[in-house]
N, C-alpha and C. Protein backbone atom coordinates (compact mmCIF):
# COMPACT_ATOMS: atom_id res chain seq x y z
N MET A 1 4.43 25.85 -11.92
CA MET A 1 4.31 24.50 -12.46
C MET A 1 2.76 24.10 -12.62
N ASP A 2 2.32 23.81 -13.68
CA ASP A 2 0.92 23.52 -13.98
C ASP A 2 0.61 22.00 -13.60
N MET A 3 -0.25 21.92 -12.62
CA MET A 3 -0.65 20.63 -12.12
C MET A 3 -2.02 20.11 -12.47
N GLU A 4 -2.61 20.78 -13.49
CA GLU A 4 -3.95 20.52 -13.83
C GLU A 4 -4.16 19.18 -14.56
N TRP A 5 -3.01 18.53 -15.05
CA TRP A 5 -3.09 17.35 -15.64
C TRP A 5 -3.45 16.17 -14.71
N MET A 6 -3.25 16.50 -13.39
CA MET A 6 -3.50 15.41 -12.42
C MET A 6 -4.61 15.84 -11.62
N ALA A 7 -5.56 14.90 -11.34
CA ALA A 7 -6.80 15.19 -10.64
C ALA A 7 -6.48 15.06 -9.13
N TRP A 8 -5.91 16.18 -8.57
CA TRP A 8 -5.56 16.26 -7.14
C TRP A 8 -6.69 16.48 -6.27
N THR A 9 -7.34 15.46 -5.82
CA THR A 9 -8.43 15.55 -4.90
C THR A 9 -7.86 15.20 -3.47
N PRO A 10 -8.60 15.51 -2.46
CA PRO A 10 -8.12 15.16 -1.11
C PRO A 10 -7.78 13.65 -1.02
N VAL A 11 -8.57 12.92 -1.62
CA VAL A 11 -8.30 11.32 -1.53
C VAL A 11 -7.00 11.02 -2.17
N THR A 12 -6.83 11.64 -3.38
CA THR A 12 -5.61 11.31 -4.19
C THR A 12 -4.32 11.78 -3.37
N ALA A 13 -4.38 13.03 -2.84
CA ALA A 13 -3.31 13.48 -1.96
C ALA A 13 -3.09 12.66 -0.83
N GLY A 14 -4.14 12.34 -0.03
CA GLY A 14 -4.05 11.45 1.05
C GLY A 14 -3.38 10.17 0.69
N PHE A 15 -3.79 9.51 -0.31
CA PHE A 15 -3.24 8.35 -0.78
C PHE A 15 -1.70 8.35 -0.88
N PHE A 16 -1.28 9.44 -1.59
CA PHE A 16 0.22 9.54 -1.83
C PHE A 16 0.94 9.95 -0.46
N ILE A 17 0.26 10.73 0.33
CA ILE A 17 0.86 11.09 1.73
C ILE A 17 1.07 9.82 2.56
N VAL A 18 0.00 8.92 2.53
CA VAL A 18 0.10 7.69 3.24
C VAL A 18 1.26 6.88 2.80
N ILE A 19 1.41 6.76 1.44
CA ILE A 19 2.54 5.95 0.91
C ILE A 19 3.88 6.47 1.39
N VAL A 20 4.00 7.80 1.29
CA VAL A 20 5.24 8.34 1.74
C VAL A 20 5.55 8.17 3.25
N VAL A 21 4.63 8.27 4.10
CA VAL A 21 4.58 8.14 5.44
C VAL A 21 5.08 6.65 5.79
N MET A 22 4.44 5.61 4.95
CA MET A 22 4.76 4.19 5.17
C MET A 22 6.19 3.95 4.72
N LEU A 23 6.66 4.58 3.63
CA LEU A 23 8.05 4.38 3.37
C LEU A 23 9.10 4.96 4.25
N ILE A 24 8.76 6.10 4.84
CA ILE A 24 9.64 6.65 5.87
C ILE A 24 9.55 5.77 7.06
N GLY A 25 8.35 5.38 7.39
CA GLY A 25 8.24 4.44 8.61
C GLY A 25 9.01 3.15 8.47
N MET A 26 8.93 2.57 7.24
CA MET A 26 9.64 1.35 7.00
C MET A 26 11.14 1.51 6.97
N THR A 27 11.66 2.70 6.47
CA THR A 27 13.07 3.00 6.54
C THR A 27 13.57 3.13 7.98
N CYS A 28 12.77 3.86 8.79
CA CYS A 28 13.26 3.98 10.28
C CYS A 28 13.15 2.53 10.99
N TRP A 29 12.14 1.74 10.71
CA TRP A 29 12.04 0.42 11.34
C TRP A 29 13.24 -0.46 10.91
N GLU A 30 13.63 -0.33 9.66
CA GLU A 30 14.77 -1.10 9.11
C GLU A 30 15.98 -0.77 9.84
N ILE A 31 16.22 0.62 10.04
CA ILE A 31 17.46 1.03 10.80
C ILE A 31 17.47 0.55 12.21
N VAL A 32 16.38 0.65 12.79
CA VAL A 32 16.29 0.29 14.21
C VAL A 32 16.31 -1.24 14.47
N SER A 33 15.62 -1.99 13.59
CA SER A 33 15.63 -3.47 13.71
C SER A 33 15.72 -4.08 12.28
N PRO A 34 16.90 -4.47 11.84
CA PRO A 34 17.12 -5.14 10.57
C PRO A 34 16.32 -6.32 10.50
N ASN A 35 15.76 -6.63 9.33
CA ASN A 35 14.76 -7.87 9.25
C ASN A 35 15.53 -8.97 8.65
N VAL A 36 14.86 -10.16 8.82
CA VAL A 36 15.31 -11.46 8.21
C VAL A 36 14.22 -11.86 7.21
N ALA A 37 14.69 -12.32 6.12
CA ALA A 37 13.78 -12.81 5.11
C ALA A 37 13.12 -14.06 5.58
N ARG A 38 11.73 -14.23 5.30
CA ARG A 38 10.97 -15.33 5.77
C ARG A 38 9.86 -15.61 4.75
N LYS A 39 9.48 -16.87 4.93
CA LYS A 39 8.34 -17.30 4.09
C LYS A 39 7.05 -17.55 4.91
N GLY A 40 5.98 -16.73 4.43
CA GLY A 40 4.71 -16.80 5.19
C GLY A 40 3.65 -17.33 4.20
N LEU A 41 2.53 -16.60 4.12
CA LEU A 41 1.51 -17.04 3.16
C LEU A 41 1.81 -16.80 1.71
N LEU A 42 2.61 -15.85 1.43
CA LEU A 42 3.05 -15.65 0.09
C LEU A 42 4.04 -16.85 -0.34
N PRO A 43 3.88 -17.26 -1.59
CA PRO A 43 4.67 -18.38 -2.03
C PRO A 43 6.13 -18.16 -2.32
N ILE A 44 6.64 -17.02 -1.75
CA ILE A 44 8.12 -16.69 -1.99
C ILE A 44 8.70 -16.18 -0.66
N VAL A 45 9.96 -16.19 -0.50
CA VAL A 45 10.66 -15.70 0.66
C VAL A 45 10.64 -14.21 0.49
N THR A 46 10.27 -13.41 1.55
CA THR A 46 10.13 -11.99 1.39
C THR A 46 10.69 -11.31 2.71
N THR A 47 11.12 -10.01 2.44
CA THR A 47 11.50 -9.15 3.55
C THR A 47 10.31 -8.21 3.78
N ARG A 48 10.43 -7.40 4.90
CA ARG A 48 9.37 -6.43 5.10
C ARG A 48 9.16 -5.46 3.96
N GLY A 49 10.18 -5.07 3.27
CA GLY A 49 10.21 -4.19 2.19
C GLY A 49 9.49 -4.81 0.91
N ASP A 50 9.76 -6.24 0.84
CA ASP A 50 9.10 -6.98 -0.34
C ASP A 50 7.60 -6.93 -0.09
N ARG A 51 7.25 -7.25 1.21
CA ARG A 51 5.81 -7.36 1.55
C ARG A 51 5.08 -5.94 1.32
N LEU A 52 5.75 -4.86 1.77
CA LEU A 52 5.16 -3.60 1.58
C LEU A 52 4.96 -3.36 0.03
N PHE A 53 5.91 -3.64 -0.75
CA PHE A 53 5.88 -3.45 -2.18
C PHE A 53 4.64 -4.26 -2.74
N VAL A 54 4.53 -5.57 -2.34
CA VAL A 54 3.46 -6.38 -2.80
C VAL A 54 2.00 -5.75 -2.33
N GLY A 55 2.06 -5.27 -1.07
CA GLY A 55 0.82 -4.67 -0.64
C GLY A 55 0.43 -3.43 -1.27
N LEU A 56 1.42 -2.58 -1.64
CA LEU A 56 1.06 -1.27 -2.24
C LEU A 56 0.72 -1.59 -3.71
N LEU A 57 1.32 -2.50 -4.35
CA LEU A 57 0.91 -2.87 -5.71
C LEU A 57 -0.43 -3.47 -5.80
N SER A 58 -0.63 -4.31 -4.78
CA SER A 58 -2.11 -4.87 -4.73
C SER A 58 -3.01 -3.79 -4.44
N SER A 59 -2.74 -2.86 -3.62
CA SER A 59 -3.66 -1.75 -3.21
C SER A 59 -4.06 -0.95 -4.47
N ALA A 60 -3.02 -0.72 -5.44
CA ALA A 60 -3.35 -0.02 -6.64
C ALA A 60 -4.36 -0.89 -7.44
N TYR A 61 -4.11 -2.07 -7.63
CA TYR A 61 -5.05 -3.03 -8.29
C TYR A 61 -6.44 -3.08 -7.76
N ILE A 62 -6.48 -3.15 -6.39
CA ILE A 62 -7.85 -3.08 -5.66
C ILE A 62 -8.55 -1.73 -5.99
N HIS A 63 -7.84 -0.70 -5.97
CA HIS A 63 -8.46 0.60 -6.27
C HIS A 63 -8.95 0.67 -7.78
N LEU A 64 -8.03 0.16 -8.60
CA LEU A 64 -8.49 0.25 -10.01
C LEU A 64 -9.69 -0.59 -10.38
N ALA A 65 -9.65 -1.79 -9.69
CA ALA A 65 -10.88 -2.64 -9.92
C ALA A 65 -12.10 -2.04 -9.29
N TRP A 66 -11.94 -1.54 -8.18
CA TRP A 66 -13.09 -0.86 -7.44
C TRP A 66 -13.65 0.29 -8.32
N VAL A 67 -12.82 1.21 -8.86
CA VAL A 67 -13.37 2.27 -9.64
C VAL A 67 -13.93 1.79 -10.97
N GLY A 68 -13.40 0.74 -11.47
CA GLY A 68 -13.81 0.25 -12.77
C GLY A 68 -15.14 -0.60 -12.66
N LEU A 69 -15.29 -1.24 -11.50
CA LEU A 69 -16.35 -2.22 -11.41
C LEU A 69 -17.55 -1.82 -10.62
N THR A 70 -17.34 -0.89 -9.71
CA THR A 70 -18.46 -0.42 -8.82
C THR A 70 -18.73 1.05 -8.94
N ASP A 71 -19.76 1.51 -8.37
CA ASP A 71 -20.12 2.90 -8.15
C ASP A 71 -20.04 3.36 -6.75
N TYR A 72 -19.46 2.56 -5.92
CA TYR A 72 -19.45 2.93 -4.48
C TYR A 72 -18.25 3.86 -4.25
N PRO A 73 -18.32 4.54 -3.12
CA PRO A 73 -17.19 5.51 -2.86
C PRO A 73 -15.82 4.75 -2.83
N VAL A 74 -14.77 5.44 -3.12
CA VAL A 74 -13.40 4.96 -3.22
C VAL A 74 -12.82 4.66 -1.78
N TRP A 75 -13.30 5.30 -0.77
CA TRP A 75 -12.82 5.09 0.60
C TRP A 75 -13.03 3.67 1.05
N ILE A 76 -14.05 3.07 0.49
CA ILE A 76 -14.38 1.61 0.87
C ILE A 76 -13.12 0.81 0.32
N ALA A 77 -12.71 1.09 -0.92
CA ALA A 77 -11.62 0.31 -1.49
C ALA A 77 -10.33 0.67 -0.67
N THR A 78 -10.18 1.75 -0.11
CA THR A 78 -9.03 2.12 0.75
C THR A 78 -9.02 1.32 2.00
N VAL A 79 -10.27 1.10 2.60
CA VAL A 79 -10.42 0.32 3.76
C VAL A 79 -9.88 -1.21 3.49
N PHE A 80 -10.38 -1.74 2.32
CA PHE A 80 -9.97 -3.06 2.01
C PHE A 80 -8.48 -3.07 1.73
N SER A 81 -7.89 -2.09 1.07
CA SER A 81 -6.47 -2.08 0.76
C SER A 81 -5.74 -2.08 2.11
N VAL A 82 -6.05 -1.16 3.05
CA VAL A 82 -5.31 -1.15 4.16
C VAL A 82 -5.37 -2.46 4.98
N GLY A 83 -6.54 -3.07 4.98
CA GLY A 83 -6.63 -4.33 5.58
C GLY A 83 -5.80 -5.39 4.93
N PHE A 84 -5.69 -5.40 3.51
CA PHE A 84 -4.82 -6.29 2.81
C PHE A 84 -3.41 -6.01 3.12
N ILE A 85 -2.93 -4.78 3.12
CA ILE A 85 -1.59 -4.55 3.49
C ILE A 85 -1.14 -4.95 4.81
N VAL A 86 -2.01 -4.77 5.77
CA VAL A 86 -1.74 -5.20 7.13
C VAL A 86 -1.67 -6.69 7.17
N ALA A 87 -2.53 -7.47 6.42
CA ALA A 87 -2.51 -8.85 6.49
C ALA A 87 -1.20 -9.33 5.79
N VAL A 88 -0.76 -8.80 4.73
CA VAL A 88 0.45 -9.23 3.92
C VAL A 88 1.60 -8.86 4.85
N GLN A 89 1.68 -7.84 5.45
CA GLN A 89 2.81 -7.48 6.39
C GLN A 89 2.89 -8.41 7.56
N ARG A 90 1.66 -8.82 8.15
CA ARG A 90 1.70 -9.64 9.28
C ARG A 90 1.99 -11.20 8.96
N TRP A 91 1.21 -11.65 8.01
CA TRP A 91 1.28 -13.06 7.68
C TRP A 91 1.84 -13.45 6.42
N GLY A 92 2.17 -12.42 5.47
CA GLY A 92 2.72 -12.71 4.23
C GLY A 92 4.07 -13.14 4.21
């Protein structure tokens, strides 16, 4: 299978590996402790899975904006994204 169409760098591979690990972790957490929908800082009632989706989608936009608007290393955007996902999961 030819994978040259995708720029598989260690950062890209790490990003997808982290997403898969987060999804597996959320699945295990849901099995052990079912969640209850709640309203936090986000203007809608959300579950843990909803907040994870919002966090991951926002992470993609943070990375796209970072790459498009700055010349700084991408790992800095990753730090911001992780912080944002943690904040959304905790208080969102």
